[in-house]
Amino acid sequence: MPQGSIVGPILFVPFINDLPLHVTNADVDIYADDATLTFSFRWNVNISFMEKNINEDLNQVVKWSKMNKMVISQTKTVCMLVVGKRLRKRLDNINSNLNISLNGAIIEQVKSYKLLGIHLDQDLDIDIQTEALCKSLSKKIGFHISPYLKRSHKVLYYDALLKPSFLYGSSDGGHLHTSKANLESILRLLKRAARVILNAPFNSRSVDLFNTLNWIPFFRESHINQCALIHKRL
């Protein structure tokens, strides 16, 4: 994601494929009924310039919604200033509140937001995403893998529900650029899942467990997925 970006889901409505045609300054990303406006700027550009461009686009979005007889949900509309920790220290006015309005009302500015299952952070920090992922995986492993199931059924459960959670969003390189502590937290859960599937003791070597199940560490598989995505793009 470009540094110095405003990110925010702007509306949740169906049939919005023509929305980007009405936005001139920002980039519009649409997935199903979720839409996000992203405006990027160089670190030495005044933030008021950015606010002006975003507000112009939001006014166009409001006109578009009225023309299509749709209502934008004020409570589901937020904005976030994404700069990263290093750049934030270089900008004098970066901590000021953003003056972004929708229908005449200032929209909420957040420090983090869950967008399509990924927790975005204003400092490009993946700790929040890792914490949420580990919490979700821990519940799925502890409560849903019954010791009375056959190994094949446990493997099927892992492939259908757990593995997608481990790898979701990994193609953007998030797992590859996170801290060592975050990687170890996720890897511990992968080891735990392997022990549960094989009914193995706690002190079992993870290499032996993974070899038995023909698994590779999730961060290596994330790297493979990222390379595959780049190859397809090229």
C-alpha atoms as a PDB file:
ATOM      1  CA  MET A   1       0.000   0.000   0.000  1.00  0.00           C
ATOM      2  CA  PRO A   2       1.445   3.455  -0.882  1.00  0.00           C
ATOM      3  CA  GLN A   3       2.615   5.558   2.033  1.00  0.00           C
ATOM      4  CA  GLY A   4       0.487   8.552   2.874  1.00  0.00           C
ATOM      5  CA  SER A   5      -2.821   7.001   1.897  1.00  0.00           C
ATOM      6  CA  ILE A   6      -6.322   7.589   3.157  1.00  0.00           C
ATOM      7  CA  VAL A   7      -8.156   4.320   3.360  1.00  0.00           C
ATOM      8  CA  GLY A   8     -11.798   3.865   4.262  1.00  0.00           C
ATOM      9  CA  PRO A   9     -14.794   1.766   3.260  1.00  0.00           C
ATOM     10  CA  ILE A  10     -17.199   4.377   1.911  1.00  0.00           C
ATOM     11  CA  LEU A  11     -20.405   2.474   1.325  1.00  0.00           C
ATOM     12  CA  PHE A  12     -22.015  -0.937   1.359  1.00  0.00           C
ATOM     13  CA  VAL A  13     -24.499  -1.191  -1.508  1.00  0.00           C
ATOM     14  CA  PRO A  14     -25.136  -3.553  -4.438  1.00  0.00           C
ATOM     15  CA  PHE A  15     -24.696  -2.766  -8.143  1.00  0.00           C
ATOM     16  CA  ILE A  16     -21.846  -0.267  -7.858  1.00  0.00           C
ATOM     17  CA  ASN A  17     -19.653  -1.218 -10.816  1.00  0.00           C
ATOM     18  CA  ASP A  18     -19.953   2.247 -12.376  1.00  0.00           C
ATOM     19  CA  LEU A  19     -18.898   4.086  -9.208  1.00  0.00           C
ATOM     20  CA  PRO A  20     -15.231   4.544 -10.279  1.00  0.00           C
ATOM     21  CA  LEU A  21     -16.424   6.539 -13.284  1.00  0.00           C
ATOM     22  CA  HIS A  22     -17.637   9.273 -10.920  1.00  0.00           C
ATOM     23  CA  VAL A  23     -14.431   9.554  -8.847  1.00  0.00           C
ATOM     24  CA  THR A  24     -11.605  11.638 -10.323  1.00  0.00           C
ATOM     25  CA  ASN A  25      -8.898  12.033  -7.644  1.00  0.00           C
ATOM     26  CA  ALA A  26      -8.778   8.796  -5.655  1.00  0.00           C
ATOM     27  CA  ASP A  27      -8.474   5.148  -6.619  1.00  0.00           C
ATOM     28  CA  VAL A  28     -11.606   3.064  -6.069  1.00  0.00           C
ATOM     29  CA  ASP A  29     -11.446  -0.596  -5.065  1.00  0.00           C
ATOM     30  CA  ILE A  30     -14.662  -2.614  -5.143  1.00  0.00           C
ATOM     31  CA  TYR A  31     -15.221  -6.115  -3.841  1.00  0.00           C
ATOM     32  CA  ALA A  32     -18.813  -7.348  -3.918  1.00  0.00           C
ATOM     33  CA  ASP A  33     -20.718  -4.639  -2.000  1.00  0.00           C
ATOM     34  CA  ASP A  34     -17.665  -3.057  -0.307  1.00  0.00           C
ATOM     35  CA  ALA A  35     -15.961  -0.004  -1.798  1.00  0.00           C
ATOM     36  CA  THR A  36     -12.809   1.790  -0.681  1.00  0.00           C
ATOM     37  CA  LEU A  37     -11.374   5.144  -1.714  1.00  0.00           C
ATOM     38  CA  THR A  38      -7.574   5.446  -1.588  1.00  0.00           C
ATOM     39  CA  PHE A  39      -5.727   8.690  -2.167  1.00  0.00           C
ATOM     40  CA  SER A  40      -1.903   8.660  -2.221  1.00  0.00           C
ATOM     41  CA  PHE A  41       0.405  11.646  -1.905  1.00  0.00           C
ATOM     42  CA  ARG A  42       4.063  12.447  -1.332  1.00  0.00           C
ATOM     43  CA  TRP A  43       5.121  13.023   2.259  1.00  0.00           C
ATOM     44  CA  ASN A  44       5.948  16.710   1.599  1.00  0.00           C
ATOM     45  CA  VAL A  45       2.458  17.529   0.281  1.00  0.00           C
ATOM     46  CA  ASN A  46       0.193  19.516   2.607  1.00  0.00           C
ATOM     47  CA  ILE A  47      -2.501  17.359   4.170  1.00  0.00           C
ATOM     48  CA  SER A  48      -5.121  20.019   3.390  1.00  0.00           C
ATOM     49  CA  PHE A  49      -4.517  19.285  -0.305  1.00  0.00           C
ATOM     50  CA  MET A  50      -5.278  15.636   0.329  1.00  0.00           C
ATOM     51  CA  GLU A  51      -8.409  16.468   2.316  1.00  0.00           C
ATOM     52  CA  LYS A  52      -9.631  18.734  -0.479  1.00  0.00           C
ATOM     53  CA  ASN A  53      -9.306  15.968  -3.079  1.00  0.00           C
ATOM     54  CA  ILE A  54     -10.968  13.331  -0.931  1.00  0.00           C
ATOM     55  CA  ASN A  55     -13.868  15.628  -0.045  1.00  0.00           C
ATOM     56  CA  GLU A  56     -14.412  16.416  -3.718  1.00  0.00           C
ATOM     57  CA  ASP A  57     -14.610  12.708  -4.502  1.00  0.00           C
ATOM     58  CA  LEU A  58     -16.948  12.044  -1.588  1.00  0.00           C
ATOM     59  CA  ASN A  59     -19.263  14.782  -2.850  1.00  0.00           C
ATOM     60  CA  GLN A  60     -19.331  13.038  -6.207  1.00  0.00           C
ATOM     61  CA  VAL A  61     -20.076   9.739  -4.479  1.00  0.00           C
ATOM     62  CA  VAL A  62     -22.986  11.361  -2.647  1.00  0.00           C
ATOM     63  CA  LYS A  63     -24.373  12.685  -5.949  1.00  0.00           C
ATOM     64  CA  TRP A  64     -23.935   9.243  -7.505  1.00  0.00           C
ATOM     65  CA  SER A  65     -25.755   7.559  -4.614  1.00  0.00           C
ATOM     66  CA  LYS A  66     -28.678   9.977  -4.845  1.00  0.00           C
ATOM     67  CA  MET A  67     -28.873   9.485  -8.590  1.00  0.00           C
ATOM     68  CA  ASN A  68     -29.061   5.712  -8.034  1.00  0.00           C
ATOM     69  CA  LYS A  69     -31.500   6.126  -5.117  1.00  0.00           C
ATOM     70  CA  MET A  70     -29.053   4.636  -2.630  1.00  0.00           C
ATOM     71  CA  VAL A  71     -28.157   5.736   0.874  1.00  0.00           C
ATOM     72  CA  ILE A  72     -24.588   5.803   2.195  1.00  0.00           C
ATOM     73  CA  SER A  73     -24.302   4.440   5.728  1.00  0.00           C
ATOM     74  CA  GLN A  74     -22.662   7.110   7.886  1.00  0.00           C
ATOM     75  CA  THR A  75     -21.860   4.617  10.667  1.00  0.00           C
ATOM     76  CA  LYS A  76     -20.009   2.295   8.272  1.00  0.00           C
ATOM     77  CA  THR A  77     -17.912   5.051   6.748  1.00  0.00           C
ATOM     78  CA  VAL A  78     -14.491   5.733   8.258  1.00  0.00           C
ATOM     79  CA  CYS A  79     -11.176   7.209   7.206  1.00  0.00           C
ATOM     80  CA  MET A  80      -7.607   6.350   8.127  1.00  0.00           C
ATOM     81  CA  LEU A  81      -4.290   8.076   7.478  1.00  0.00           C
ATOM     82  CA  VAL A  82      -1.710   5.411   6.598  1.00  0.00           C
ATOM     83  CA  VAL A  83       1.903   6.580   6.741  1.00  0.00           C
ATOM     84  CA  GLY A  84       4.022   4.090   8.669  1.00  0.00           C
ATOM     85  CA  LYS A  85       6.041   4.721  11.809  1.00  0.00           C
ATOM     86  CA  ARG A  86       9.083   6.290  10.132  1.00  0.00           C
ATOM     87  CA  LEU A  87       7.187   8.767   7.990  1.00  0.00           C
ATOM     88  CA  ARG A  88       4.876   9.722  10.850  1.00  0.00           C
ATOM     89  CA  LYS A  89       7.853  11.091  12.791  1.00  0.00           C
ATOM     90  CA  ARG A  90       8.853  13.315   9.854  1.00  0.00           C
ATOM     91  CA  LEU A  91       5.489  15.012   9.437  1.00  0.00           C
ATOM     92  CA  ASP A  92       4.758  17.882  11.796  1.00  0.00           C
ATOM     93  CA  ASN A  93       0.967  17.892  11.416  1.00  0.00           C
ATOM     94  CA  ILE A  94       0.424  14.176  10.989  1.00  0.00           C
ATOM     95  CA  ASN A  95      -1.355  13.804  14.346  1.00  0.00           C
ATOM     96  CA  SER A  96      -4.026  16.363  13.485  1.00  0.00           C
ATOM     97  CA  ASN A  97      -7.528  15.116  12.868  1.00  0.00           C
ATOM     98  CA  LEU A  98      -8.546  14.657   9.270  1.00  0.00           C
ATOM     99  CA  ASN A  99     -11.327  16.932   8.108  1.00  0.00           C
ATOM    100  CA  ILE A 100     -13.154  14.484   5.834  1.00  0.00           C
ATOM    101  CA  SER A 101     -16.913  14.981   5.601  1.00  0.00           C
ATOM    102  CA  LEU A 102     -19.809  13.041   4.187  1.00  0.00           C
ATOM    103  CA  ASN A 103     -23.203  14.671   3.746  1.00  0.00           C
ATOM    104  CA  GLY A 104     -21.950  17.601   5.819  1.00  0.00           C
ATOM    105  CA  ALA A 105     -20.850  15.442   8.785  1.00  0.00           C
ATOM    106  CA  ILE A 106     -17.245  14.686   9.739  1.00  0.00           C
ATOM    107  CA  ILE A 107     -16.603  10.963   9.366  1.00  0.00           C
ATOM    108  CA  GLU A 108     -14.805   8.977  12.034  1.00  0.00           C
ATOM    109  CA  GLN A 109     -11.030   8.687  11.826  1.00  0.00           C
ATOM    110  CA  VAL A 110      -9.658   5.336  13.012  1.00  0.00           C
ATOM    111  CA  LYS A 111      -6.194   3.968  13.740  1.00  0.00           C
ATOM    112  CA  SER A 112      -7.032   0.483  12.487  1.00  0.00           C
ATOM    113  CA  TYR A 113      -9.857  -1.135  10.558  1.00  0.00           C
ATOM    114  CA  LYS A 114     -10.823  -4.624   9.457  1.00  0.00           C
ATOM    115  CA  LEU A 115     -11.260  -4.608   5.688  1.00  0.00           C
ATOM    116  CA  LEU A 116     -12.202  -7.855   3.929  1.00  0.00           C
ATOM    117  CA  GLY A 117     -10.828  -9.910   6.790  1.00  0.00           C
ATOM    118  CA  ILE A 118      -7.503  -8.057   7.082  1.00  0.00           C
ATOM    119  CA  HIS A 119      -6.797  -5.657   9.948  1.00  0.00           C
ATOM    120  CA  LEU A 120      -5.224  -2.540   8.429  1.00  0.00           C
ATOM    121  CA  ASP A 121      -3.139  -0.342  10.729  1.00  0.00           C
ATOM    122  CA  GLN A 122      -2.216   3.309  10.236  1.00  0.00           C
ATOM    123  CA  ASP A 123       1.449   2.524  10.939  1.00  0.00           C
ATOM    124  CA  LEU A 124       1.502  -0.514   8.625  1.00  0.00           C
ATOM    125  CA  ASP A 125       1.917  -2.684  11.711  1.00  0.00           C
ATOM    126  CA  ILE A 126       0.785  -6.286  11.340  1.00  0.00           C
ATOM    127  CA  ASP A 127       0.642  -7.031  15.095  1.00  0.00           C
ATOM    128  CA  ILE A 128      -3.124  -6.464  15.265  1.00  0.00           C
ATOM    129  CA  GLN A 129      -3.729  -8.804  12.338  1.00  0.00           C
ATOM    130  CA  THR A 130      -1.466 -11.470  13.875  1.00  0.00           C
ATOM    131  CA  GLU A 131      -3.183 -11.235  17.259  1.00  0.00           C
ATOM    132  CA  ALA A 132      -6.643 -11.622  15.702  1.00  0.00           C
ATOM    133  CA  LEU A 133      -5.456 -14.499  13.500  1.00  0.00           C
ATOM    134  CA  CYS A 134      -3.894 -16.399  16.409  1.00  0.00           C
ATOM    135  CA  LYS A 135      -7.003 -15.949  18.532  1.00  0.00           C
ATOM    136  CA  SER A 136      -9.242 -17.276  15.772  1.00  0.00           C
ATOM    137  CA  LEU A 137      -6.961 -20.229  14.954  1.00  0.00           C
ATOM    138  CA  SER A 138      -6.590 -21.189  18.602  1.00  0.00           C
ATOM    139  CA  LYS A 139     -10.360 -21.529  18.971  1.00  0.00           C
ATOM    140  CA  LYS A 140     -10.710 -23.540  15.767  1.00  0.00           C
ATOM    141  CA  ILE A 141      -7.938 -25.934  16.759  1.00  0.00           C
ATOM    142  CA  GLY A 142      -8.963 -26.350  20.377  1.00  0.00           C
ATOM    143  CA  PHE A 143     -12.725 -26.715  20.027  1.00  0.00           C
ATOM    144  CA  HIS A 144     -13.362 -28.111  16.562  1.00  0.00           C
ATOM    145  CA  ILE A 145     -10.785 -30.873  16.022  1.00  0.00           C
ATOM    146  CA  SER A 146     -12.195 -33.819  17.934  1.00  0.00           C
ATOM    147  CA  PRO A 147      -9.738 -36.519  19.067  1.00  0.00           C
ATOM    148  CA  TYR A 148     -12.342 -39.104  18.075  1.00  0.00           C
ATOM    149  CA  LEU A 149     -12.237 -38.207  14.381  1.00  0.00           C
ATOM    150  CA  LYS A 150     -10.223 -40.244  11.913  1.00  0.00           C
ATOM    151  CA  ARG A 151      -6.938 -38.722  10.794  1.00  0.00           C
ATOM    152  CA  SER A 152      -8.267 -38.292   7.261  1.00  0.00           C
ATOM    153  CA  HIS A 153     -11.231 -36.308   8.610  1.00  0.00           C
ATOM    154  CA  LYS A 154      -8.932 -34.099  10.685  1.00  0.00           C
ATOM    155  CA  VAL A 155      -6.758 -33.435   7.651  1.00  0.00           C
ATOM    156  CA  LEU A 156      -9.862 -32.602   5.643  1.00  0.00           C
ATOM    157  CA  TYR A 157     -10.946 -30.139   8.340  1.00  0.00           C
ATOM    158  CA  TYR A 158      -7.483 -28.540   8.336  1.00  0.00           C
ATOM    159  CA  ASP A 159      -7.412 -28.188   4.544  1.00  0.00           C
ATOM    160  CA  ALA A 160     -10.953 -26.761   4.411  1.00  0.00           C
ATOM    161  CA  LEU A 161     -10.957 -24.347   7.364  1.00  0.00           C
ATOM    162  CA  LEU A 162      -7.586 -23.912   9.066  1.00  0.00           C
ATOM    163  CA  LYS A 163      -5.176 -23.707   6.148  1.00  0.00           C
ATOM    164  CA  PRO A 164      -7.130 -20.920   4.385  1.00  0.00           C
ATOM    165  CA  SER A 165      -7.021 -18.935   7.645  1.00  0.00           C
ATOM    166  CA  PHE A 166      -3.258 -19.422   7.935  1.00  0.00           C
ATOM    167  CA  LEU A 167      -2.680 -18.253   4.367  1.00  0.00           C
ATOM    168  CA  TYR A 168      -5.408 -15.631   3.912  1.00  0.00           C
ATOM    169  CA  GLY A 169      -3.875 -12.335   2.859  1.00  0.00           C
ATOM    170  CA  SER A 170      -0.403 -13.835   2.641  1.00  0.00           C
ATOM    171  CA  SER A 171      -0.006 -13.043  -1.058  1.00  0.00           C
ATOM    172  CA  ASP A 172       0.462  -9.361  -0.185  1.00  0.00           C
ATOM    173  CA  GLY A 173       3.646 -10.248   1.695  1.00  0.00           C
ATOM    174  CA  GLY A 174       2.230  -9.521   5.156  1.00  0.00           C
ATOM    175  CA  HIS A 175       3.539 -12.756   6.681  1.00  0.00           C
ATOM    176  CA  LEU A 176       6.924 -12.221   5.063  1.00  0.00           C
ATOM    177  CA  HIS A 177       7.464  -8.741   6.479  1.00  0.00           C
ATOM    178  CA  THR A 178       6.156  -9.240   9.993  1.00  0.00           C
ATOM    179  CA  SER A 179       8.301  -9.630  13.098  1.00  0.00           C
ATOM    180  CA  LYS A 180       9.980 -12.858  14.132  1.00  0.00           C
ATOM    181  CA  ALA A 181       7.769 -13.005  17.237  1.00  0.00           C
ATOM    182  CA  ASN A 182       4.620 -12.886  15.087  1.00  0.00           C
ATOM    183  CA  LEU A 183       5.924 -15.639  12.825  1.00  0.00           C
ATOM    184  CA  GLU A 184       6.711 -17.826  15.824  1.00  0.00           C
ATOM    185  CA  SER A 185       3.233 -17.269  17.274  1.00  0.00           C
ATOM    186  CA  ILE A 186       1.575 -18.492  14.085  1.00  0.00           C
ATOM    187  CA  LEU A 187       4.067 -21.346  13.661  1.00  0.00           C
ATOM    188  CA  ARG A 188       3.305 -22.590  17.186  1.00  0.00           C
ATOM    189  CA  LEU A 189      -0.358 -22.881  16.229  1.00  0.00           C
ATOM    190  CA  LEU A 190       0.571 -24.796  13.084  1.00  0.00           C
ATOM    191  CA  LYS A 191       2.590 -27.216  15.224  1.00  0.00           C
ATOM    192  CA  ARG A 192      -0.339 -27.531  17.617  1.00  0.00           C
ATOM    193  CA  ALA A 193      -2.692 -28.387  14.754  1.00  0.00           C
ATOM    194  CA  ALA A 194      -0.257 -31.062  13.547  1.00  0.00           C
ATOM    195  CA  ARG A 195      -0.038 -32.620  17.030  1.00  0.00           C
ATOM    196  CA  VAL A 196      -3.820 -32.699  17.357  1.00  0.00           C
ATOM    197  CA  ILE A 197      -4.285 -34.300  13.943  1.00  0.00           C
ATOM    198  CA  LEU A 198      -1.660 -36.991  14.644  1.00  0.00           C
ATOM    199  CA  ASN A 199      -2.482 -37.422  18.353  1.00  0.00           C
ATOM    200  CA  ALA A 200       1.204 -36.771  18.975  1.00  0.00           C
ATOM    201  CA  PRO A 201       2.750 -35.865  22.356  1.00  0.00           C
ATOM    202  CA  PHE A 202       3.631 -32.268  23.146  1.00  0.00           C
ATOM    203  CA  ASN A 203       7.391 -32.812  22.825  1.00  0.00           C
ATOM    204  CA  SER A 204       7.162 -34.208  19.285  1.00  0.00           C
ATOM    205  CA  ARG A 205       9.557 -32.632  16.790  1.00  0.00           C
ATOM    206  CA  SER A 206       7.733 -30.336  14.418  1.00  0.00           C
ATOM    207  CA  VAL A 207       9.870 -31.496  11.478  1.00  0.00           C
ATOM    208  CA  ASP A 208       8.697 -35.070  11.977  1.00  0.00           C
ATOM    209  CA  LEU A 209       5.064 -33.944  12.295  1.00  0.00           C
ATOM    210  CA  PHE A 210       5.196 -31.842   9.136  1.00  0.00           C
ATOM    211  CA  ASN A 211       6.937 -34.584   7.175  1.00  0.00           C
ATOM    212  CA  THR A 212       4.279 -37.102   8.207  1.00  0.00           C
ATOM    213  CA  LEU A 213       1.526 -34.768   7.009  1.00  0.00           C
ATOM    214  CA  ASN A 214       3.486 -33.559   3.950  1.00  0.00           C
ATOM    215  CA  TRP A 215       3.227 -29.964   5.212  1.00  0.00           C
ATOM    216  CA  ILE A 216       5.621 -27.095   4.695  1.00  0.00           C
ATOM    217  CA  PRO A 217       5.849 -24.123   7.106  1.00  0.00           C
ATOM    218  CA  PHE A 218       3.097 -21.608   6.383  1.00  0.00           C
ATOM    219  CA  PHE A 219       5.520 -18.733   5.741  1.00  0.00           C
ATOM    220  CA  ARG A 220       7.214 -20.764   3.003  1.00  0.00           C
ATOM    221  CA  GLU A 221       3.835 -21.527   1.471  1.00  0.00           C
ATOM    222  CA  SER A 222       2.984 -17.825   1.729  1.00  0.00           C
ATOM    223  CA  HIS A 223       6.154 -17.089  -0.214  1.00  0.00           C
ATOM    224  CA  ILE A 224       5.169 -19.645  -2.853  1.00  0.00           C
ATOM    225  CA  ASN A 225       1.714 -18.047  -3.169  1.00  0.00           C
ATOM    226  CA  GLN A 226       3.264 -14.609  -3.543  1.00  0.00           C
ATOM    227  CA  CYS A 227       5.652 -15.840  -6.243  1.00  0.00           C
ATOM    228  CA  ALA A 228       2.760 -17.531  -8.052  1.00  0.00           C
ATOM    229  CA  LEU A 229       0.767 -14.290  -7.976  1.00  0.00           C
ATOM    230  CA  ILE A 230       3.697 -12.292  -9.355  1.00  0.00           C
ATOM    231  CA  HIS A 231       4.233 -14.915 -12.065  1.00  0.00           C
ATOM    232  CA  LYS A 232       0.586 -14.649 -13.122  1.00  0.00           C
ATOM    233  CA  ARG A 233       0.814 -10.863 -13.244  1.00  0.00           C
ATOM    234  CA  LEU A 234       3.958 -11.018 -15.369  1.00  0.00           C
END
